[in-house]
Amino acid sequence: MGGVSTQIAYEVPKTVSFASSQQEEVAKNLLAEFNLGCDVHQTEHVYRVYVATFLGFGGNAARQRYEDKIFANTVQKNR
């Protein structure tokens, strides 16, 4: 775990249904569809995946916030 961002990805099964066409349209904008099949064997392995990135919530960013807080508390105590 490192960097300054955290990525979350998970498969959304095709069995998931939406209450309205509006919800389905919103979902289409949030999902990526990948076919990991093989052209030679004419197979399809289609996956619908939700992916999100949260900038500033990776391991390095969390450690930096922690160190900054410790430093600020130490400075405040030693005034």
PDB file of N, CA and C in Angstrom:
ATOM      1  N   MET A   1       0.859  -1.177   0.000  1.00  0.00           N
ATOM      2  CA  MET A   1       0.000   0.000   0.000  1.00  0.00           C
ATOM      3  C   MET A   1       0.896   1.227   0.000  1.00  0.00           C
ATOM      4  N   GLY A   2       0.733   2.056  -0.979  1.00  0.00           N
ATOM      5  CA  GLY A   2       1.537   3.260  -1.057  1.00  0.00           C
ATOM      6  C   GLY A   2       0.853   4.287  -1.923  1.00  0.00           C
ATOM      7  N   GLY A   3       1.591   5.291  -2.278  1.00  0.00           N
ATOM      8  CA  GLY A   3       1.026   6.326  -3.119  1.00  0.00           C
ATOM      9  C   GLY A   3       0.134   7.261  -2.333  1.00  0.00           C
ATOM     10  N   VAL A   4      -0.500   8.143  -3.069  1.00  0.00           N
ATOM     11  CA  VAL A   4      -1.377   9.115  -2.408  1.00  0.00           C
ATOM     12  C   VAL A   4      -2.840   8.877  -2.742  1.00  0.00           C
ATOM     13  N   SER A   5      -3.146   7.812  -3.460  1.00  0.00           N
ATOM     14  CA  SER A   5      -4.549   7.540  -3.765  1.00  0.00           C
ATOM     15  C   SER A   5      -4.864   6.066  -3.545  1.00  0.00           C
ATOM     16  N   THR A   6      -6.134   5.799  -3.335  1.00  0.00           N
ATOM     17  CA  THR A   6      -6.630   4.434  -3.170  1.00  0.00           C
ATOM     18  C   THR A   6      -7.596   4.156  -4.306  1.00  0.00           C
ATOM     19  N   GLN A   7      -7.480   2.987  -4.901  1.00  0.00           N
ATOM     20  CA  GLN A   7      -8.386   2.589  -5.965  1.00  0.00           C
ATOM     21  C   GLN A   7      -9.248   1.434  -5.479  1.00  0.00           C
ATOM     22  N   ILE A   8     -10.518   1.493  -5.834  1.00  0.00           N
ATOM     23  CA  ILE A   8     -11.449   0.423  -5.503  1.00  0.00           C
ATOM     24  C   ILE A   8     -12.077  -0.044  -6.803  1.00  0.00           C
ATOM     25  N   ALA A   9     -12.085  -1.343  -7.017  1.00  0.00           N
ATOM     26  CA  ALA A   9     -12.703  -1.913  -8.216  1.00  0.00           C
ATOM     27  C   ALA A   9     -13.401  -3.206  -7.840  1.00  0.00           C
ATOM     28  N   TYR A  10     -14.596  -3.391  -8.355  1.00  0.00           N
ATOM     29  CA  TYR A  10     -15.286  -4.649  -8.140  1.00  0.00           C
ATOM     30  C   TYR A  10     -16.244  -4.922  -9.288  1.00  0.00           C
ATOM     31  N   GLU A  11     -16.507  -6.197  -9.491  1.00  0.00           N
ATOM     32  CA  GLU A  11     -17.397  -6.605 -10.572  1.00  0.00           C
ATOM     33  C   GLU A  11     -18.849  -6.396 -10.154  1.00  0.00           C
ATOM     34  N   VAL A  12     -19.636  -5.873 -11.084  1.00  0.00           N
ATOM     35  CA  VAL A  12     -21.075  -5.713 -10.885  1.00  0.00           C
ATOM     36  C   VAL A  12     -21.752  -6.793 -11.731  1.00  0.00           C
ATOM     37  N   PRO A  13     -22.378  -7.778 -11.102  1.00  0.00           N
ATOM     38  CA  PRO A  13     -22.974  -8.887 -11.857  1.00  0.00           C
ATOM     39  C   PRO A  13     -24.083  -8.416 -12.805  1.00  0.00           C
ATOM     40  N   LYS A  14     -24.250  -9.142 -13.877  1.00  0.00           N
ATOM     41  CA  LYS A  14     -25.305  -8.809 -14.838  1.00  0.00           C
ATOM     42  C   LYS A  14     -26.694  -8.979 -14.238  1.00  0.00           C
ATOM     43  N   THR A  15     -26.796  -9.729 -13.143  1.00  0.00           N
ATOM     44  CA  THR A  15     -28.090  -9.951 -12.507  1.00  0.00           C
ATOM     45  C   THR A  15     -28.592  -8.718 -11.763  1.00  0.00           C
ATOM     46  N   VAL A  16     -27.726  -7.715 -11.579  1.00  0.00           N
ATOM     47  CA  VAL A  16     -28.139  -6.479 -10.908  1.00  0.00           C
ATOM     48  C   VAL A  16     -29.142  -5.762 -11.792  1.00  0.00           C
ATOM     49  N   SER A  17     -30.276  -5.417 -11.205  1.00  0.00           N
ATOM     50  CA  SER A  17     -31.293  -4.692 -11.970  1.00  0.00           C
ATOM     51  C   SER A  17     -31.481  -3.313 -11.351  1.00  0.00           C
ATOM     52  N   PHE A  18     -32.019  -2.417 -12.142  1.00  0.00           N
ATOM     53  CA  PHE A  18     -32.199  -1.034 -11.710  1.00  0.00           C
ATOM     54  C   PHE A  18     -33.681  -0.712 -11.638  1.00  0.00           C
ATOM     55  N   ALA A  19     -34.042   0.139 -10.695  1.00  0.00           N
ATOM     56  CA  ALA A  19     -35.448   0.465 -10.466  1.00  0.00           C
ATOM     57  C   ALA A  19     -36.039   1.309 -11.590  1.00  0.00           C
ATOM     58  N   SER A  20     -35.191   2.067 -12.252  1.00  0.00           N
ATOM     59  CA  SER A  20     -35.693   2.930 -13.324  1.00  0.00           C
ATOM     60  C   SER A  20     -34.660   3.033 -14.433  1.00  0.00           C
ATOM     61  N   SER A  21     -35.108   3.531 -15.574  1.00  0.00           N
ATOM     62  CA  SER A  21     -34.176   3.729 -16.694  1.00  0.00           C
ATOM     63  C   SER A  21     -33.173   4.828 -16.364  1.00  0.00           C
ATOM     64  N   GLN A  22     -33.569   5.781 -15.507  1.00  0.00           N
ATOM     65  CA  GLN A  22     -32.641   6.842 -15.082  1.00  0.00           C
ATOM     66  C   GLN A  22     -31.477   6.239 -14.303  1.00  0.00           C
ATOM     67  N   GLN A  23     -31.782   5.341 -13.380  1.00  0.00           N
ATOM     68  CA  GLN A  23     -30.727   4.688 -12.606  1.00  0.00           C
ATOM     69  C   GLN A  23     -29.805   3.885 -13.512  1.00  0.00           C
ATOM     70  N   GLU A  24     -30.369   3.240 -14.501  1.00  0.00           N
ATOM     71  CA  GLU A  24     -29.570   2.441 -15.428  1.00  0.00           C
ATOM     72  C   GLU A  24     -28.614   3.326 -16.224  1.00  0.00           C
ATOM     73  N   GLU A  25     -29.084   4.501 -16.643  1.00  0.00           N
ATOM     74  CA  GLU A  25     -28.229   5.435 -17.386  1.00  0.00           C
ATOM     75  C   GLU A  25     -27.082   5.940 -16.515  1.00  0.00           C
ATOM     76  N   VAL A  26     -27.372   6.259 -15.255  1.00  0.00           N
ATOM     77  CA  VAL A  26     -26.331   6.711 -14.330  1.00  0.00           C
ATOM     78  C   VAL A  26     -25.306   5.599 -14.138  1.00  0.00           C
ATOM     79  N   ALA A  27     -25.786   4.375 -13.969  1.00  0.00           N
ATOM     80  CA  ALA A  27     -24.891   3.235 -13.769  1.00  0.00           C
ATOM     81  C   ALA A  27     -23.986   3.019 -14.977  1.00  0.00           C
ATOM     82  N   LYS A  28     -24.511   3.201 -16.180  1.00  0.00           N
ATOM     83  CA  LYS A  28     -23.701   3.020 -17.391  1.00  0.00           C
ATOM     84  C   LYS A  28     -22.511   3.970 -17.400  1.00  0.00           C
ATOM     85  N   ASN A  29     -22.683   5.161 -16.834  1.00  0.00           N
ATOM     86  CA  ASN A  29     -21.589   6.134 -16.780  1.00  0.00           C
ATOM     87  C   ASN A  29     -20.560   5.788 -15.713  1.00  0.00           C
ATOM     88  N   LEU A  30     -20.948   4.958 -14.746  1.00  0.00           N
ATOM     89  CA  LEU A  30     -20.045   4.600 -13.657  1.00  0.00           C
ATOM     90  C   LEU A  30     -19.358   3.253 -13.854  1.00  0.00           C
ATOM     91  N   LEU A  31     -19.847   2.470 -14.803  1.00  0.00           N
ATOM     92  CA  LEU A  31     -19.317   1.123 -15.008  1.00  0.00           C
ATOM     93  C   LEU A  31     -18.486   1.052 -16.284  1.00  0.00           C
ATOM     94  N   ALA A  32     -17.454   0.235 -16.240  1.00  0.00           N
ATOM     95  CA  ALA A  32     -16.663  -0.069 -17.437  1.00  0.00           C
ATOM     96  C   ALA A  32     -16.923  -1.531 -17.779  1.00  0.00           C
ATOM     97  N   GLU A  33     -16.997  -1.831 -19.058  1.00  0.00           N
ATOM     98  CA  GLU A  33     -17.236  -3.209 -19.482  1.00  0.00           C
ATOM     99  C   GLU A  33     -16.020  -3.713 -20.239  1.00  0.00           C
ATOM    100  N   PHE A  34     -15.520  -4.878 -19.810  1.00  0.00           N
ATOM    101  CA  PHE A  34     -14.325  -5.463 -20.411  1.00  0.00           C
ATOM    102  C   PHE A  34     -14.638  -6.860 -20.920  1.00  0.00           C
ATOM    103  N   ASN A  35     -14.131  -7.169 -22.112  1.00  0.00           N
ATOM    104  CA  ASN A  35     -14.242  -8.519 -22.648  1.00  0.00           C
ATOM    105  C   ASN A  35     -12.847  -9.124 -22.631  1.00  0.00           C
ATOM    106  N   LEU A  36     -12.654 -10.112 -21.785  1.00  0.00           N
ATOM    107  CA  LEU A  36     -11.357 -10.778 -21.678  1.00  0.00           C
ATOM    108  C   LEU A  36     -11.372 -12.113 -22.410  1.00  0.00           C
ATOM    109  N   GLY A  37     -12.236 -12.202 -23.390  1.00  0.00           N
ATOM    110  CA  GLY A  37     -12.360 -13.435 -24.166  1.00  0.00           C
ATOM    111  C   GLY A  37     -11.231 -13.596 -25.161  1.00  0.00           C
ATOM    112  N   CYS A  38     -11.378 -14.600 -26.000  1.00  0.00           N
ATOM    113  CA  CYS A  38     -10.349 -14.945 -26.965  1.00  0.00           C
ATOM    114  C   CYS A  38     -10.956 -14.992 -28.367  1.00  0.00           C
ATOM    115  N   ASP A  39     -10.419 -14.207 -29.297  1.00  0.00           N
ATOM    116  CA  ASP A  39     -10.912 -14.197 -30.670  1.00  0.00           C
ATOM    117  C   ASP A  39     -10.661 -15.529 -31.365  1.00  0.00           C
ATOM    118  N   VAL A  40      -9.539 -16.165 -31.073  1.00  0.00           N
ATOM    119  CA  VAL A  40      -9.181 -17.418 -31.730  1.00  0.00           C
ATOM    120  C   VAL A  40     -10.213 -18.504 -31.418  1.00  0.00           C
ATOM    121  N   HIS A  41     -10.626 -18.564 -30.154  1.00  0.00           N
ATOM    122  CA  HIS A  41     -11.580 -19.583 -29.741  1.00  0.00           C
ATOM    123  C   HIS A  41     -13.021 -19.067 -29.742  1.00  0.00           C
ATOM    124  N   GLN A  42     -13.206 -17.838 -30.172  1.00  0.00           N
ATOM    125  CA  GLN A  42     -14.517 -17.189 -30.220  1.00  0.00           C
ATOM    126  C   GLN A  42     -15.259 -17.303 -28.883  1.00  0.00           C
ATOM    127  N   THR A  43     -14.543 -16.969 -27.820  1.00  0.00           N
ATOM    128  CA  THR A  43     -15.160 -16.977 -26.493  1.00  0.00           C
ATOM    129  C   THR A  43     -15.258 -15.553 -25.975  1.00  0.00           C
ATOM    130  N   GLU A  44     -16.238 -15.340 -25.144  1.00  0.00           N
ATOM    131  CA  GLU A  44     -16.407 -14.033 -24.513  1.00  0.00           C
ATOM    132  C   GLU A  44     -16.427 -14.203 -23.003  1.00  0.00           C
ATOM    133  N   HIS A  45     -15.716 -13.332 -22.347  1.00  0.00           N
ATOM    134  CA  HIS A  45     -15.736 -13.256 -20.895  1.00  0.00           C
ATOM    135  C   HIS A  45     -15.906 -11.774 -20.569  1.00  0.00           C
ATOM    136  N   VAL A  46     -17.155 -11.352 -20.500  1.00  0.00           N
ATOM    137  CA  VAL A  46     -17.460  -9.934 -20.319  1.00  0.00           C
ATOM    138  C   VAL A  46     -17.682  -9.649 -18.833  1.00  0.00           C
ATOM    139  N   TYR A  47     -17.026  -8.613 -18.358  1.00  0.00           N
ATOM    140  CA  TYR A  47     -17.134  -8.204 -16.965  1.00  0.00           C
ATOM    141  C   TYR A  47     -17.553  -6.745 -16.914  1.00  0.00           C
ATOM    142  N   ARG A  48     -18.523  -6.441 -16.057  1.00  0.00           N
ATOM    143  CA  ARG A  48     -18.896  -5.054 -15.771  1.00  0.00           C
ATOM    144  C   ARG A  48     -18.206  -4.693 -14.459  1.00  0.00           C
ATOM    145  N   VAL A  49     -17.418  -3.642 -14.484  1.00  0.00           N
ATOM    146  CA  VAL A  49     -16.591  -3.299 -13.332  1.00  0.00           C
ATOM    147  C   VAL A  49     -16.840  -1.854 -12.919  1.00  0.00           C
ATOM    148  N   TYR A  50     -17.015  -1.660 -11.619  1.00  0.00           N
ATOM    149  CA  TYR A  50     -17.082  -0.320 -11.037  1.00  0.00           C
ATOM    150  C   TYR A  50     -15.692   0.012 -10.525  1.00  0.00           C
ATOM    151  N   VAL A  51     -15.197   1.184 -10.881  1.00  0.00           N
ATOM    152  CA  VAL A  51     -13.864   1.607 -10.457  1.00  0.00           C
ATOM    153  C   VAL A  51     -13.954   3.034  -9.922  1.00  0.00           C
ATOM    154  N   ALA A  52     -13.323   3.263  -8.770  1.00  0.00           N
ATOM    155  CA  ALA A  52     -13.285   4.612  -8.193  1.00  0.00           C
ATOM    156  C   ALA A  52     -11.892   4.857  -7.631  1.00  0.00           C
ATOM    157  N   THR A  53     -11.448   6.094  -7.724  1.00  0.00           N
ATOM    158  CA  THR A  53     -10.163   6.505  -7.169  1.00  0.00           C
ATOM    159  C   THR A  53     -10.406   7.604  -6.152  1.00  0.00           C
ATOM    160  N   PHE A  54      -9.786   7.470  -5.010  1.00  0.00           N
ATOM    161  CA  PHE A  54      -9.917   8.459  -3.953  1.00  0.00           C
ATOM    162  C   PHE A  54      -8.549   9.087  -3.715  1.00  0.00           C
ATOM    163  N   LEU A  55      -8.339  10.239  -4.305  1.00  0.00           N
ATOM    164  CA  LEU A  55      -7.062  10.935  -4.208  1.00  0.00           C
ATOM    165  C   LEU A  55      -6.859  11.445  -2.783  1.00  0.00           C
ATOM    166  N   GLY A  56      -5.684  11.214  -2.247  1.00  0.00           N
ATOM    167  CA  GLY A  56      -5.348  11.679  -0.906  1.00  0.00           C
ATOM    168  C   GLY A  56      -5.653  10.670   0.185  1.00  0.00           C
ATOM    169  N   PHE A  57      -6.059   9.462  -0.182  1.00  0.00           N
ATOM    170  CA  PHE A  57      -6.379   8.453   0.823  1.00  0.00           C
ATOM    171  C   PHE A  57      -5.505   7.204   0.700  1.00  0.00           C
ATOM    172  N   GLY A  58      -4.369   7.319   0.034  1.00  0.00           N
ATOM    173  CA  GLY A  58      -3.435   6.199  -0.070  1.00  0.00           C
ATOM    174  C   GLY A  58      -2.543   6.121   1.159  1.00  0.00           C
ATOM    175  N   GLY A  59      -1.711   5.098   1.188  1.00  0.00           N
ATOM    176  CA  GLY A  59      -0.837   4.862   2.330  1.00  0.00           C
ATOM    177  C   GLY A  59       0.131   6.005   2.602  1.00  0.00           C
ATOM    178  N   ASN A  60       0.752   6.530   1.573  1.00  0.00           N
ATOM    179  CA  ASN A  60       1.720   7.615   1.768  1.00  0.00           C
ATOM    180  C   ASN A  60       1.040   8.882   2.271  1.00  0.00           C
ATOM    181  N   ALA A  61      -0.132   9.186   1.715  1.00  0.00           N
ATOM    182  CA  ALA A  61      -0.858  10.387   2.138  1.00  0.00           C
ATOM    183  C   ALA A  61      -1.309  10.250   3.594  1.00  0.00           C
ATOM    184  N   ALA A  62      -1.775   9.075   3.986  1.00  0.00           N
ATOM    185  CA  ALA A  62      -2.210   8.855   5.369  1.00  0.00           C
ATOM    186  C   ALA A  62      -1.038   9.006   6.333  1.00  0.00           C
ATOM    187  N   ARG A  63       0.098   8.438   5.953  1.00  0.00           N
ATOM    188  CA  ARG A  63       1.286   8.549   6.815  1.00  0.00           C
ATOM    189  C   ARG A  63       1.718  10.005   6.952  1.00  0.00           C
ATOM    190  N   GLN A  64       1.677  10.759   5.860  1.00  0.00           N
ATOM    191  CA  GLN A  64       2.065  12.165   5.905  1.00  0.00           C
ATOM    192  C   GLN A  64       1.135  12.956   6.816  1.00  0.00           C
ATOM    193  N   ARG A  65      -0.173  12.705   6.732  1.00  0.00           N
ATOM    194  CA  ARG A  65      -1.123  13.391   7.620  1.00  0.00           C
ATOM    195  C   ARG A  65      -0.835  13.043   9.088  1.00  0.00           C
ATOM    196  N   TYR A  66      -0.527  11.769   9.342  1.00  0.00           N
ATOM    197  CA  TYR A  66      -0.212  11.318  10.700  1.00  0.00           C
ATOM    198  C   TYR A  66       1.036  12.037  11.224  1.00  0.00           C
ATOM    199  N   GLU A  67       2.086  12.067  10.420  1.00  0.00           N
ATOM    200  CA  GLU A  67       3.328  12.728  10.830  1.00  0.00           C
ATOM    201  C   GLU A  67       3.119  14.223  11.043  1.00  0.00           C
ATOM    202  N   ASP A  68       2.344  14.848  10.184  1.00  0.00           N
ATOM    203  CA  ASP A  68       2.054  16.282  10.342  1.00  0.00           C
ATOM    204  C   ASP A  68       1.325  16.551  11.652  1.00  0.00           C
ATOM    205  N   LYS A  69       0.379  15.664  11.990  1.00  0.00           N
ATOM    206  CA  LYS A  69      -0.390  15.825  13.227  1.00  0.00           C
ATOM    207  C   LYS A  69       0.518  15.648  14.450  1.00  0.00           C
ATOM    208  N   ILE A  70       1.381  14.634  14.431  1.00  0.00           N
ATOM    209  CA  ILE A  70       2.327  14.408  15.536  1.00  0.00           C
ATOM    210  C   ILE A  70       3.232  15.621  15.698  1.00  0.00           C
ATOM    211  N   PHE A  71       3.748  16.153  14.593  1.00  0.00           N
ATOM    212  CA  PHE A  71       4.634  17.314  14.631  1.00  0.00           C
ATOM    213  C   PHE A  71       3.906  18.522  15.213  1.00  0.00           C
ATOM    214  N   ALA A  72       2.680  18.762  14.738  1.00  0.00           N
ATOM    215  CA  ALA A  72       1.910  19.914  15.224  1.00  0.00           C
ATOM    216  C   ALA A  72       1.617  19.783  16.723  1.00  0.00           C
ATOM    217  N   ASN A  73       1.270  18.574  17.170  1.00  0.00           N
ATOM    218  CA  ASN A  73       1.009  18.358  18.602  1.00  0.00           C
ATOM    219  C   ASN A  73       2.271  18.574  19.428  1.00  0.00           C
ATOM    220  N   THR A  74       3.416  18.122  18.935  1.00  0.00           N
ATOM    221  CA  THR A  74       4.691  18.291  19.652  1.00  0.00           C
ATOM    222  C   THR A  74       5.055  19.753  19.748  1.00  0.00           C
ATOM    223  N   VAL A  75       4.911  20.497  18.670  1.00  0.00           N
ATOM    224  CA  VAL A  75       5.222  21.926  18.670  1.00  0.00           C
ATOM    225  C   VAL A  75       4.314  22.657  19.671  1.00  0.00           C
ATOM    226  N   GLN A  76       3.025  22.304  19.659  1.00  0.00           N
ATOM    227  CA  GLN A  76       2.077  22.959  20.559  1.00  0.00           C
ATOM    228  C   GLN A  76       2.401  22.665  22.030  1.00  0.00           C
ATOM    229  N   LYS A  77       2.784  21.430  22.345  1.00  0.00           N
ATOM    230  CA  LYS A  77       3.116  21.069  23.730  1.00  0.00           C
ATOM    231  C   LYS A  77       4.374  21.762  24.225  1.00  0.00           C
ATOM    232  N   ASN A  78       5.333  22.004  23.315  1.00  0.00           N
ATOM    233  CA  ASN A  78       6.639  22.549  23.708  1.00  0.00           C
ATOM    234  C   ASN A  78       6.719  24.060  23.601  1.00  0.00           C
ATOM    235  N   ARG A  79       5.618  24.718  23.468  1.00  0.00           N
ATOM    236  CA  ARG A  79       5.651  26.189  23.404  1.00  0.00           C
ATOM    237  C   ARG A  79       5.901  26.790  24.746  1.00  0.00           C
TER     238      ARG A  79
END
